Amino acid sequence: GAVQRIFYFHVPSAWLCFLGFLLCFSGSITYLINRSSRSEIFALASAEVGLIFGGIVLTTGPLWARAAWGVWWKWEPRLTSMAMLVLIFAAYWVLRHFGGRGQGVKLFASLLAVLGTPNIFFVHYAVKKWRGDHPDDVIARSDPDMRLALYLCLSALLVVFILSIILRYRTHRDRATVSAIRRRVSRLGG
């Protein structure tokens, strides 16, 4: 029924959330190694897009849970670890946007992303390891039509994901360029 349709947005959104955070991880590692502003901007753009998909997961999950379990939220291992993962990257985002422009903020945020990323492993294996109520291996047990619909939705959302990262990256890059020009102009004029 209608509740089953949530699955086609919920699962691909979770995968894309993980992908966004993994891309943030790679950008943060690169930034920590060579202090490249491009890497730092890429990490920020990836985290933002990952957070959007994480928000979708944390919205569609309770909608499904209400119909399946009769409650909006259960303190179940996968749900709780997913919420923690999203909160870690939300803290990264808050730090990057409101922590200032200093090098220390960028370093600390990059470390937070690197140290927070392994939580993806806990989210993925929470059902197997701690025997939660969250369904596991649904895709492997589903019929081919259901898998086809899932992969079509994943493909469409992947296009949105890629375009969103490109747009966020360009926005942050252009903002940094404008800030640099303003600083130069203020030094010359003042």
Protein backbone atom coordinates (compact mmCIF):
# COMPACT_ATOMS: atom_id res chain seq x y z
CA GLY A 1 0.00 0.00 0.00
CA ALA A 2 0.94 3.63 0.48
CA VAL A 3 3.28 2.80 3.34
CA GLN A 4 5.32 0.52 1.08
CA ARG A 5 5.93 3.42 -1.30
CA ILE A 6 7.92 5.17 1.43
CA PHE A 7 10.51 2.40 1.02
CA TYR A 8 11.40 3.65 -2.48
CA PHE A 9 12.49 7.03 -1.10
CA HIS A 10 13.67 5.95 2.34
CA VAL A 11 16.29 3.36 1.32
CA PRO A 12 17.88 5.32 -1.57
CA SER A 13 17.94 8.43 0.63
CA ALA A 14 19.81 6.49 3.31
CA TRP A 15 22.34 5.27 0.76
CA LEU A 16 22.83 8.77 -0.62
CA CYS A 17 23.13 10.20 2.89
CA PHE A 18 25.96 7.71 3.51
CA LEU A 19 27.54 8.63 0.18
CA GLY A 20 27.40 12.35 1.02
CA PHE A 21 29.06 11.76 4.38
CA LEU A 22 31.70 9.49 2.80
CA LEU A 23 32.47 12.22 0.25
CA CYS A 24 32.71 14.70 3.13
CA PHE A 25 35.12 12.28 4.80
CA SER A 26 37.31 12.09 1.69
CA GLY A 27 37.29 15.87 1.25
CA SER A 28 38.14 16.34 4.93
CA ILE A 29 41.02 13.85 4.79
CA THR A 30 42.38 15.61 1.71
CA TYR A 31 42.03 18.97 3.45
CA LEU A 32 43.85 17.70 6.54
CA ILE A 33 46.71 16.42 4.36
CA ASN A 34 47.23 19.35 2.00
CA ARG A 35 45.02 22.23 3.28
CA SER A 36 43.38 22.61 -0.12
CA SER A 37 40.46 25.03 -0.04
CA ARG A 38 38.84 23.06 -2.87
CA SER A 39 38.81 19.92 -0.71
CA GLU A 40 37.37 21.81 2.24
CA ILE A 41 34.63 23.33 0.07
CA PHE A 42 33.88 19.91 -1.46
CA ALA A 43 33.63 18.40 2.03
CA LEU A 44 31.19 21.11 3.12
CA ALA A 45 29.03 20.75 0.00
CA SER A 46 28.95 16.95 0.42
CA ALA A 47 27.98 17.23 4.08
CA GLU A 48 25.15 19.61 3.27
CA VAL A 49 23.69 17.34 0.61
CA GLY A 50 24.19 14.31 2.87
CA LEU A 51 22.27 16.15 5.60
CA ILE A 52 19.38 16.81 3.24
CA PHE A 53 19.12 13.10 2.46
CA GLY A 54 19.59 12.28 6.14
CA GLY A 55 16.64 14.54 6.89
CA ILE A 56 14.59 12.62 4.34
CA VAL A 57 15.56 9.35 6.03
CA LEU A 58 14.67 10.65 9.49
CA THR A 59 11.33 11.90 8.16
CA THR A 60 10.26 8.92 6.07
CA GLY A 61 11.44 6.40 8.68
CA PRO A 62 8.96 7.50 11.37
CA LEU A 63 6.18 7.66 8.77
CA TRP A 64 6.83 4.01 7.97
CA ALA A 65 7.34 3.10 11.65
CA ARG A 66 3.97 4.54 12.61
CA ALA A 67 2.23 2.21 10.17
CA ALA A 68 4.45 -0.83 10.86
CA TRP A 69 5.08 -0.58 14.62
CA GLY A 70 2.27 1.69 15.77
CA VAL A 71 4.70 4.32 17.11
CA TRP A 72 6.54 7.19 15.45
CA TRP A 73 9.89 6.41 17.04
CA LYS A 74 11.52 3.46 18.78
CA TRP A 75 14.87 3.62 20.46
CA GLU A 76 15.99 0.90 18.12
CA PRO A 77 19.72 0.46 17.24
CA ARG A 78 19.54 1.46 13.58
CA LEU A 79 17.23 4.42 14.17
CA THR A 80 19.29 5.72 17.06
CA SER A 81 22.64 5.29 15.30
CA MET A 82 21.26 6.99 12.17
CA ALA A 83 20.02 9.93 14.25
CA MET A 84 23.47 10.16 15.88
CA LEU A 85 25.17 10.11 12.47
CA VAL A 86 22.98 12.95 11.20
CA LEU A 87 23.59 14.93 14.41
CA ILE A 88 27.37 14.54 14.04
CA PHE A 89 27.27 15.97 10.53
CA ALA A 90 24.78 18.63 11.61
CA ALA A 91 27.39 19.66 14.21
CA TYR A 92 29.97 19.74 11.41
CA TRP A 93 27.67 21.99 9.37
CA VAL A 94 26.96 24.32 12.31
CA LEU A 95 30.67 24.57 13.08
CA ARG A 96 31.53 25.40 9.47
CA HIS A 97 28.79 28.00 9.10
CA PHE A 98 28.90 29.68 12.49
CA GLY A 99 32.39 28.93 13.83
CA GLY A 100 34.17 31.64 11.90
CA ARG A 101 36.59 31.66 8.99
CA GLY A 102 39.70 30.64 10.88
CA GLN A 103 41.95 27.75 9.99
CA GLY A 104 41.32 26.16 13.41
CA VAL A 105 37.58 25.90 12.74
CA LYS A 106 38.19 24.22 9.39
CA LEU A 107 40.67 21.78 10.97
CA PHE A 108 38.33 20.93 13.85
CA ALA A 109 35.37 20.48 11.50
CA SER A 110 37.44 18.22 9.25
CA LEU A 111 38.47 16.12 12.25
CA LEU A 112 34.83 15.90 13.34
CA ALA A 113 33.85 14.61 9.88
CA VAL A 114 36.68 12.08 9.86
CA LEU A 115 35.89 10.81 13.35
CA GLY A 116 32.11 10.81 12.75
CA THR A 117 32.14 8.87 9.49
CA PRO A 118 32.79 5.40 11.01
CA ASN A 119 29.30 5.65 12.52
CA ILE A 120 28.05 4.70 9.02
CA PHE A 121 29.37 1.21 9.76
CA PHE A 122 27.33 1.08 12.99
CA VAL A 123 24.18 2.26 11.24
CA HIS A 124 24.58 -0.37 8.55
CA TYR A 125 25.30 -3.29 10.87
CA ALA A 126 23.10 -2.26 13.81
CA VAL A 127 20.28 -4.64 12.88
CA LYS A 128 22.54 -7.66 12.52
CA LYS A 129 24.67 -6.90 15.55
CA TRP A 130 22.07 -5.77 18.09
CA ARG A 131 18.90 -7.48 16.77
CA GLY A 132 16.71 -4.44 16.40
CA ASP A 133 13.20 -4.31 14.97
CA HIS A 134 14.31 -2.48 11.84
CA PRO A 135 13.96 -4.76 8.78
CA ASP A 136 17.16 -6.11 7.26
CA ASP A 137 17.92 -7.66 3.86
CA VAL A 138 14.59 -6.45 2.49
CA ILE A 139 16.09 -5.88 -0.95
CA ALA A 140 17.54 -9.39 -1.20
CA ARG A 141 14.16 -10.89 -0.29
CA SER A 142 12.10 -8.65 -2.57
CA ASP A 143 10.67 -9.50 -5.96
CA PRO A 144 12.30 -8.19 -9.17
CA ASP A 145 9.61 -5.53 -9.78
CA MET A 146 10.21 -4.07 -6.35
CA ARG A 147 13.98 -4.00 -6.95
CA LEU A 148 13.47 -2.35 -10.34
CA ALA A 149 11.34 0.40 -8.79
CA LEU A 150 13.91 0.86 -6.02
CA TYR A 151 16.83 1.17 -8.43
CA LEU A 152 14.91 3.57 -10.69
CA CYS A 153 14.18 5.78 -7.71
CA LEU A 154 17.83 5.51 -6.64
CA SER A 155 18.92 6.56 -10.13
CA ALA A 156 16.64 9.61 -10.11
CA LEU A 157 17.75 10.61 -6.62
CA LEU A 158 21.40 10.08 -7.57
CA VAL A 159 21.01 12.65 -10.34
CA VAL A 160 19.52 15.09 -7.81
CA PHE A 161 22.36 14.25 -5.39
CA ILE A 162 25.11 14.91 -7.94
CA LEU A 163 23.54 18.14 -9.19
CA SER A 164 23.03 19.34 -5.62
CA ILE A 165 26.68 18.77 -4.73
CA ILE A 166 27.80 20.58 -7.87
CA LEU A 167 25.54 23.55 -7.11
CA ARG A 168 26.54 23.73 -3.44
CA TYR A 169 30.23 23.44 -4.35
CA ARG A 170 29.93 26.29 -6.87
CA THR A 171 28.00 28.42 -4.38
CA HIS A 172 30.65 28.00 -1.68
CA ARG A 173 33.51 28.50 -4.15
CA ASP A 174 31.95 31.71 -5.48
CA ARG A 175 31.26 32.95 -1.95
CA ALA A 176 34.91 32.37 -1.01
CA THR A 177 36.04 34.21 -4.15
CA VAL A 178 33.82 37.20 -3.38
CA SER A 179 35.07 37.28 0.23
CA ALA A 180 38.68 37.23 -0.96
CA ILE A 181 38.01 40.09 -3.39
CA ARG A 182 36.29 42.12 -0.64
CA ARG A 183 39.25 41.61 1.70
CA ARG A 184 41.70 42.76 -1.01
CA VAL A 185 39.59 45.81 -1.83
CA SER A 186 39.26 46.78 1.83
CA ARG A 187 43.06 46.44 2.29
CA LEU A 188 43.70 48.62 -0.77
CA GLY A 189 41.13 51.23 0.16
CA GLY A 190 41.69 51.36 3.87
